[in-house]
Amino acid sequence: MVSRPIAPAFWHGKRVFLTGHTGFKGSWLALWLQQLGAQVTGYALPPVTTPNLFDLAGVAEGMVSIVGDIRDPASLKQALDVAQPEILLHLAAQALVGEGYTDPVGTYATNVMGTINLLEQARQLQDLRAAVIVTTDKCYENLETNHAYVESDALGGHDPYSSSKACTEIVASSWRRSFFHEPGQPAIATARAGNVIGGGDWSPHRLVPDLLQAFAAGENAQLRNGQAVRPWQHVLEPLAGYLTLAEQLWDDSTLACAWNFGPELEDCVSVAQLAEHLARLWPGGGHHTIQPSPMPHEAGLLRLDATRAKQHLHWKPRWRLEEALRQTVAWHQAWLAGSSMGNFCRQQIDCYSHTDA
């Protein structure tokens, strides 16, 4: 199966409202939409790390960038009233498992009530045709077996972050069936991605950022749980899924449901295996040790099955794990060398777009 290419002709001139555009995934997606010629309005809190991809890549220069809180319905309404979007891409979230333990109330307020605020405002948008609500692979009731989760599996979540995303899935399904079910109404879908990696991520307590920081400093990286298995994928993989899904929702409301965008099952490897891959690709090599530390519960095994997206959306991963890691190392090396990271991101997007799948 050949992967469906993203269609610049479709996106050119489309009014797109992107929440979470200052985050890691949101910054990459904003740059991609700009390259496609979309009219992008972003709505998000300021970047939470220093450095951050949003500032380094000059993401705000090619779009309307609004600083706002998804939990504030009045501010959100004002931004949407001005933007009058045709497509919504909802990435704004509290996206860290650890932060969910630290601030569970804030996590639910952002991930659940923030989504409700957006969907309620979407009911008033006259030109809206399609919306993609991004959740996570962690929204499933994970029994930590070898089963790769499919969209019909039970939702759940042990920790506050994971369960808040399961709640988000339920909210989106409820609003779709209650308020967006008539012909001519916007098509609302949800998207569940794997563990994303790529250049420009400085989020705390994330494996690849921690490894890259240690390797660059010549230090020995410490891994908490070397045996944990995750569905690793380059950040451009699920973003291509979101764009592909939005394109097809535009004309086919029967696609308004949940979708997994995950890597090939062979790329669901352990933390230790990924660290070894990354160390081999880092110039001069890198070193790590397993150093268990007391942490709240995190799943030890998680796999995602993206067969539905492959069969019905003609989406397919383009970069296998080795290539995803190679591109991530190349990005980090370019940043350390003082390159223009906006240009480098655009080059990687072009490279990904022209890779056969």
Protein backbone atom coordinates (compact mmCIF):
# COMPACT_ATOMS: atom_id res chain seq x y z
CA MET A 1 0.00 0.00 0.00
CA VAL A 2 1.26 3.46 -0.95
CA SER A 3 0.75 6.15 1.68
CA ARG A 4 -1.59 8.95 0.65
CA PRO A 5 0.38 12.20 0.20
CA ILE A 6 -0.68 15.40 1.95
CA ALA A 7 -2.40 17.61 -0.66
CA PRO A 8 -1.09 21.20 -0.77
CA ALA A 9 -3.94 22.12 -3.12
CA PHE A 10 -6.46 21.12 -0.46
CA TRP A 11 -4.82 23.12 2.33
CA HIS A 12 -3.97 26.24 0.35
CA GLY A 13 -6.08 29.10 1.70
CA LYS A 14 -7.98 26.92 4.20
CA ARG A 15 -8.75 28.69 7.48
CA VAL A 16 -7.32 26.44 10.20
CA PHE A 17 -7.63 26.94 13.96
CA LEU A 18 -4.83 25.08 15.76
CA THR A 19 -4.85 24.83 19.54
CA GLY A 20 -1.60 24.06 21.32
CA HIS A 21 0.52 25.60 18.56
CA THR A 22 3.28 26.64 20.98
CA GLY A 23 4.00 23.05 22.09
CA PHE A 24 6.34 20.50 20.56
CA LYS A 25 3.84 18.79 18.26
CA GLY A 26 1.88 21.99 17.71
CA SER A 27 4.94 23.92 16.53
CA TRP A 28 5.82 21.25 13.97
CA LEU A 29 2.21 21.15 12.76
CA ALA A 30 1.99 24.94 12.51
CA LEU A 31 5.13 25.02 10.35
CA TRP A 32 3.76 22.26 8.12
CA LEU A 33 0.42 24.03 7.67
CA GLN A 34 2.25 27.22 6.76
CA GLN A 35 4.21 25.35 4.10
CA LEU A 36 0.96 23.99 2.73
CA GLY A 37 -0.41 27.53 2.36
CA ALA A 38 -3.10 27.35 5.04
CA GLN A 39 -4.28 30.44 6.89
CA VAL A 40 -3.39 29.37 10.42
CA THR A 41 -4.63 30.83 13.68
CA GLY A 42 -3.01 29.36 16.77
CA TYR A 43 -4.39 29.49 20.30
CA ALA A 44 -2.26 28.35 23.24
CA LEU A 45 -0.44 29.26 26.41
CA PRO A 46 3.14 30.50 26.05
CA PRO A 47 5.84 27.83 25.62
CA VAL A 48 6.64 26.13 28.92
CA THR A 49 10.33 25.31 28.37
CA THR A 50 13.48 27.27 27.60
CA PRO A 51 14.63 26.63 24.94
CA ASN A 52 11.54 25.70 22.94
CA LEU A 53 10.78 24.89 19.32
CA PHE A 54 8.14 27.59 18.91
CA ASP A 55 10.66 30.40 19.45
CA LEU A 56 13.67 28.71 17.88
CA ALA A 57 11.85 27.98 14.62
CA GLY A 58 10.07 31.35 14.44
CA VAL A 59 6.71 29.60 14.24
CA ALA A 60 4.70 32.75 14.99
CA GLU A 61 6.06 34.58 11.95
CA GLY A 62 3.83 32.78 9.44
CA MET A 63 0.52 32.73 11.31
CA VAL A 64 -1.82 34.51 13.69
CA SER A 65 -0.59 33.49 17.14
CA ILE A 66 -2.92 34.10 20.10
CA VAL A 67 -1.87 33.56 23.69
CA GLY A 68 -4.91 32.12 25.43
CA ASP A 69 -6.07 29.44 27.83
CA ILE A 70 -8.32 26.66 26.52
CA ARG A 71 -9.98 26.70 29.95
CA ASP A 72 -11.20 30.28 29.35
CA PRO A 73 -14.37 30.02 27.22
CA ALA A 74 -14.74 33.78 26.71
CA SER A 75 -11.20 34.21 25.37
CA LEU A 76 -11.57 31.11 23.22
CA LYS A 77 -14.87 32.35 21.77
CA GLN A 78 -13.33 35.70 20.88
CA ALA A 79 -10.46 34.05 19.03
CA LEU A 80 -12.76 31.68 17.13
CA ASP A 81 -15.18 34.46 16.21
CA VAL A 82 -12.32 36.33 14.52
CA ALA A 83 -10.73 33.28 12.88
CA GLN A 84 -13.97 31.70 11.57
CA PRO A 85 -12.15 28.43 10.87
CA GLU A 86 -13.08 25.78 8.36
CA ILE A 87 -10.93 23.17 10.12
CA LEU A 88 -10.12 22.68 13.82
CA LEU A 89 -7.01 20.81 14.96
CA HIS A 90 -7.10 20.47 18.74
CA LEU A 91 -3.69 19.70 20.25
CA ALA A 92 -3.79 21.88 23.39
CA ALA A 93 -3.36 19.67 26.45
CA GLN A 94 -1.57 18.94 29.67
CA ALA A 95 0.46 16.19 28.04
CA LEU A 96 2.75 14.76 30.72
CA VAL A 97 2.02 11.73 32.88
CA GLY A 98 4.14 13.09 35.74
CA GLU A 99 2.41 16.47 35.74
CA GLY A 100 -0.91 14.64 35.94
CA TYR A 101 0.11 13.28 39.34
CA THR A 102 1.36 16.69 40.48
CA ASP A 103 -1.69 18.62 39.31
CA PRO A 104 -4.58 16.23 38.62
CA VAL A 105 -7.26 18.94 38.87
CA GLY A 106 -5.46 21.15 36.36
CA THR A 107 -4.94 18.16 34.08
CA TYR A 108 -8.64 17.36 33.96
CA ALA A 109 -9.56 21.06 33.64
CA THR A 110 -7.34 21.42 30.58
CA ASN A 111 -7.86 18.09 28.87
CA VAL A 112 -11.55 17.55 29.56
CA MET A 113 -13.14 20.94 30.18
CA GLY A 114 -10.84 22.59 27.64
CA THR A 115 -12.11 20.19 24.99
CA ILE A 116 -15.70 20.78 26.05
CA ASN A 117 -15.17 24.53 25.74
CA LEU A 118 -13.83 24.09 22.22
CA LEU A 119 -16.60 21.73 21.09
CA GLU A 120 -19.27 24.02 22.50
CA GLN A 121 -17.86 26.96 20.55
CA ALA A 122 -17.57 24.76 17.46
CA ARG A 123 -21.36 24.42 17.47
CA GLN A 124 -21.58 28.13 16.62
CA LEU A 125 -19.07 28.16 13.75
CA GLN A 126 -20.89 28.54 10.45
CA ASP A 127 -18.02 27.54 8.15
CA LEU A 128 -16.56 24.65 10.15
CA ARG A 129 -16.36 21.40 8.14
CA ALA A 130 -13.96 19.16 10.06
CA ALA A 131 -12.35 18.85 13.49
CA VAL A 132 -9.61 16.50 14.72
CA ILE A 133 -9.41 16.14 18.51
CA VAL A 134 -6.01 14.74 19.49
CA THR A 135 -5.81 12.44 22.50
CA THR A 136 -3.20 9.72 23.12
CA ASP A 137 -2.38 6.02 22.95
CA LYS A 138 -2.62 6.05 26.75
CA CYS A 139 -6.42 6.47 26.64
CA TYR A 140 -6.89 2.67 26.58
CA GLU A 141 -7.48 0.49 29.63
CA ASN A 142 -3.97 -0.91 29.40
CA LEU A 143 -3.73 -4.50 30.65
CA GLU A 144 -0.04 -4.61 29.63
CA THR A 145 -0.32 -7.70 27.46
CA ASN A 146 1.12 -8.26 23.99
CA HIS A 147 -2.17 -7.06 22.52
CA ALA A 148 -1.80 -3.98 20.31
CA TYR A 149 -4.78 -1.75 21.04
CA VAL A 150 -7.38 -1.06 18.37
CA GLU A 151 -9.94 1.71 18.36
CA SER A 152 -12.77 -0.52 19.63
CA ASP A 153 -10.87 -1.55 22.78
CA ALA A 154 -12.02 -0.31 26.18
CA LEU A 155 -10.97 3.16 27.29
CA GLY A 156 -9.47 3.72 30.71
CA GLY A 157 -6.25 4.96 32.27
CA HIS A 158 -4.46 4.25 35.53
CA ASP A 159 -3.04 7.74 36.07
CA PRO A 160 -4.79 11.14 35.90
CA TYR A 161 -3.27 12.12 32.54
CA SER A 162 -4.24 8.88 30.83
CA SER A 163 -7.74 8.79 32.26
CA SER A 164 -8.28 12.48 31.40
CA LYS A 165 -7.58 11.60 27.78
CA ALA A 166 -10.01 8.69 27.96
CA CYS A 167 -12.56 11.20 29.25
CA THR A 168 -11.72 13.46 26.30
CA GLU A 169 -12.49 10.61 23.92
CA ILE A 170 -15.86 10.06 25.61
CA VAL A 171 -16.65 13.78 25.49
CA ALA A 172 -15.82 14.00 21.78
CA SER A 173 -17.96 10.94 21.04
CA SER A 174 -20.86 12.36 23.04
CA TRP A 175 -20.74 15.78 21.34
CA ARG A 176 -20.46 14.10 17.93
CA ARG A 177 -23.53 11.94 18.53
CA SER A 178 -25.52 14.66 20.30
CA PHE A 179 -24.74 17.81 18.32
CA PHE A 180 -22.84 16.93 15.10
CA HIS A 181 -24.84 14.04 13.67
CA GLU A 182 -27.00 15.73 11.03
CA PRO A 183 -26.00 16.02 7.35
CA GLY A 184 -24.06 19.20 6.68
CA GLN A 185 -22.78 19.49 10.24
CA PRO A 186 -19.02 19.38 10.98
CA ALA A 187 -17.34 15.97 11.08
CA ILE A 188 -15.62 15.41 14.47
CA ALA A 189 -12.94 12.72 14.80
CA THR A 190 -10.38 11.80 17.45
CA ALA A 191 -6.76 10.79 16.90
CA ARG A 192 -4.62 8.61 19.17
CA ALA A 193 -0.87 8.77 18.51
CA GLY A 194 2.05 6.83 19.90
CA ASN A 195 5.07 8.16 21.79
CA VAL A 196 6.45 10.92 19.59
CA ILE A 197 10.12 11.78 19.22
CA GLY A 198 11.89 14.39 17.13
CA GLY A 199 13.93 17.56 17.23
CA GLY A 200 12.85 20.43 19.45
CA ASP A 201 11.40 18.56 22.40
CA TRP A 202 12.67 19.71 25.78
CA SER A 203 9.81 18.39 27.90
CA PRO A 204 10.92 17.17 31.33
CA HIS A 205 11.19 13.47 32.15
CA ARG A 206 10.99 12.36 28.52
CA LEU A 207 13.37 9.72 27.29
CA VAL A 208 14.83 11.17 24.09
CA PRO A 209 15.28 14.75 25.38
CA ASP A 210 17.00 13.38 28.50
CA LEU A 211 19.28 11.14 26.40
CA LEU A 212 20.22 13.89 23.98
CA GLN A 213 21.01 16.29 26.80
CA ALA A 214 23.25 13.73 28.48
CA PHE A 215 25.01 12.69 25.27
CA ALA A 216 25.68 16.32 24.29
CA ALA A 217 27.19 16.99 27.73
CA GLY A 218 29.27 13.78 27.64
CA GLU A 219 27.39 12.48 30.64
CA ASN A 220 25.97 9.06 31.45
CA ALA A 221 22.21 9.08 30.92
CA GLN A 222 20.15 7.38 33.61
CA LEU A 223 17.08 5.39 32.62
CA ARG A 224 14.32 4.66 35.14
CA ASN A 225 12.85 1.57 33.48
CA GLY A 226 14.83 0.04 30.65
CA GLN A 227 12.26 -2.70 29.95
CA ALA A 228 9.26 -0.44 29.34
CA VAL A 229 7.98 -0.84 25.76
CA ARG A 230 6.36 2.04 23.84
CA PRO A 231 5.12 2.70 20.28
CA TRP A 232 7.88 5.15 19.26
CA GLN A 233 7.36 7.31 16.16
CA HIS A 234 8.74 10.51 14.70
CA VAL A 235 6.53 13.51 15.39
CA LEU A 236 5.81 13.99 11.67
CA GLU A 237 4.11 10.58 11.49
CA PRO A 238 1.01 11.36 13.58
CA LEU A 239 0.91 14.92 12.23
CA ALA A 240 0.63 13.45 8.73
CA GLY A 241 -2.19 11.33 10.14
CA TYR A 242 -4.03 14.36 11.51
CA LEU A 243 -3.71 16.21 8.19
CA THR A 244 -4.79 13.16 6.18
CA LEU A 245 -7.77 12.62 8.47
CA ALA A 246 -8.87 16.27 8.25
CA GLU A 247 -8.63 16.21 4.45
CA GLN A 248 -10.86 13.17 4.19
CA LEU A 249 -13.33 14.32 6.86
CA TRP A 250 -13.98 17.36 4.68
CA ASP A 251 -15.94 15.27 2.20
CA ASP A 252 -16.74 12.10 4.15
CA SER A 253 -18.45 12.43 7.51
CA THR A 254 -18.57 8.63 7.90
CA LEU A 255 -14.91 8.88 8.95
CA ALA A 256 -15.94 10.82 12.08
CA CYS A 257 -14.74 8.32 14.67
CA ALA A 258 -11.55 7.37 16.56
CA TRP A 259 -8.26 6.67 14.75
CA ASN A 260 -4.93 5.23 15.86
CA PHE A 261 -1.75 6.59 14.28
CA GLY A 262 1.07 4.38 15.49
CA PRO A 263 4.32 2.87 14.21
CA GLU A 264 4.87 -0.57 12.77
CA LEU A 265 4.71 -3.09 15.59
CA GLU A 266 8.39 -3.94 15.08
CA ASP A 267 9.23 -0.39 16.16
CA CYS A 268 7.55 -0.84 19.54
CA VAL A 269 10.80 -1.47 21.40
CA SER A 270 12.00 -1.09 24.97
CA VAL A 271 13.46 2.04 26.49
CA ALA A 272 16.87 0.36 26.69
CA GLN A 273 16.77 -0.68 23.02
CA LEU A 274 15.85 2.83 21.93
CA ALA A 275 18.65 4.29 24.06
CA GLU A 276 21.13 1.91 22.43
CA HIS A 277 19.93 2.89 18.94
CA LEU A 278 20.24 6.58 19.77
CA ALA A 279 23.71 6.17 21.31
CA ARG A 280 24.98 4.49 18.14
CA LEU A 281 23.72 7.36 16.01
CA TRP A 282 25.11 10.13 18.25
CA PRO A 283 28.53 11.37 17.00
CA GLY A 284 31.11 9.92 19.37
CA GLY A 285 28.55 7.62 20.93
CA GLY A 286 26.66 7.89 24.17
CA HIS A 287 26.28 5.97 27.40
CA HIS A 288 23.42 5.10 29.72
CA THR A 289 22.73 3.04 32.79
CA ILE A 290 19.52 1.74 34.35
CA GLN A 291 18.87 3.60 37.59
CA PRO A 292 15.45 2.71 39.03
CA SER A 293 13.92 5.57 40.96
CA PRO A 294 10.70 5.91 42.95
CA MET A 295 8.13 7.23 40.52
CA PRO A 296 4.32 7.05 40.28
CA HIS A 297 2.90 4.22 38.20
CA GLU A 298 3.63 4.18 34.48
CA ALA A 299 2.68 1.36 32.14
CA GLY A 300 5.42 -1.13 31.33
CA LEU A 301 4.00 -2.23 27.97
CA LEU A 302 1.97 -0.36 25.38
CA ARG A 303 1.41 -1.12 21.70
CA LEU A 304 -0.89 0.51 19.17
CA ASP A 305 -2.54 -1.01 16.09
CA ALA A 306 -3.01 1.44 13.21
CA THR A 307 -4.61 -0.98 10.76
CA ARG A 308 -7.80 1.09 10.48
CA ALA A 309 -5.88 4.19 9.36
CA LYS A 310 -3.84 2.14 6.89
CA GLN A 311 -6.89 0.54 5.32
CA HIS A 312 -9.37 3.41 5.29
CA LEU A 313 -7.27 6.61 5.23
CA HIS A 314 -4.32 5.17 3.26
CA TRP A 315 -1.99 6.57 5.90
CA LYS A 316 1.16 4.63 6.65
CA PRO A 317 4.36 5.35 8.62
CA ARG A 318 7.13 6.63 6.35
CA TRP A 319 10.12 6.67 8.73
CA ARG A 320 10.98 3.49 10.59
CA LEU A 321 12.50 3.83 14.07
CA GLU A 322 16.13 3.98 12.92
CA GLU A 323 15.35 6.80 10.48
CA ALA A 324 13.23 8.63 13.06
CA LEU A 325 16.15 8.57 15.49
CA ARG A 326 18.62 9.59 12.78
CA GLN A 327 16.49 12.61 11.89
CA THR A 328 16.16 13.50 15.58
CA VAL A 329 19.94 13.39 16.08
CA ALA A 330 20.46 15.47 12.93
CA TRP A 331 18.05 18.12 14.24
CA HIS A 332 19.76 18.32 17.63
CA GLN A 333 23.20 18.51 16.04
CA ALA A 334 22.01 21.34 13.78
CA TRP A 335 20.68 23.22 16.79
CA LEU A 336 23.96 22.81 18.66
CA ALA A 337 25.75 24.15 15.57
CA GLY A 338 23.61 27.30 15.55
CA SER A 339 21.64 26.55 12.37
CA SER A 340 18.39 28.26 11.45
CA MET A 341 15.97 25.80 13.01
CA GLY A 342 12.94 27.08 11.14
CA ASN A 343 14.66 26.27 7.86
CA PHE A 344 15.90 22.94 9.21
CA CYS A 345 12.38 21.94 10.30
CA ARG A 346 11.03 22.82 6.85
CA GLN A 347 13.76 20.73 5.23
CA GLN A 348 12.85 17.75 7.40
CA ILE A 349 9.16 18.19 6.56
CA ASP A 350 10.06 18.22 2.85
CA CYS A 351 12.25 15.15 3.31
CA TYR A 352 9.46 13.29 5.11
CA SER A 353 6.86 14.32 2.53
CA HIS A 354 8.98 12.92 -0.30
CA THR A 355 9.79 9.64 1.42
CA ASP A 356 8.02 6.63 -0.09
CA ALA A 357 5.99 4.50 2.29
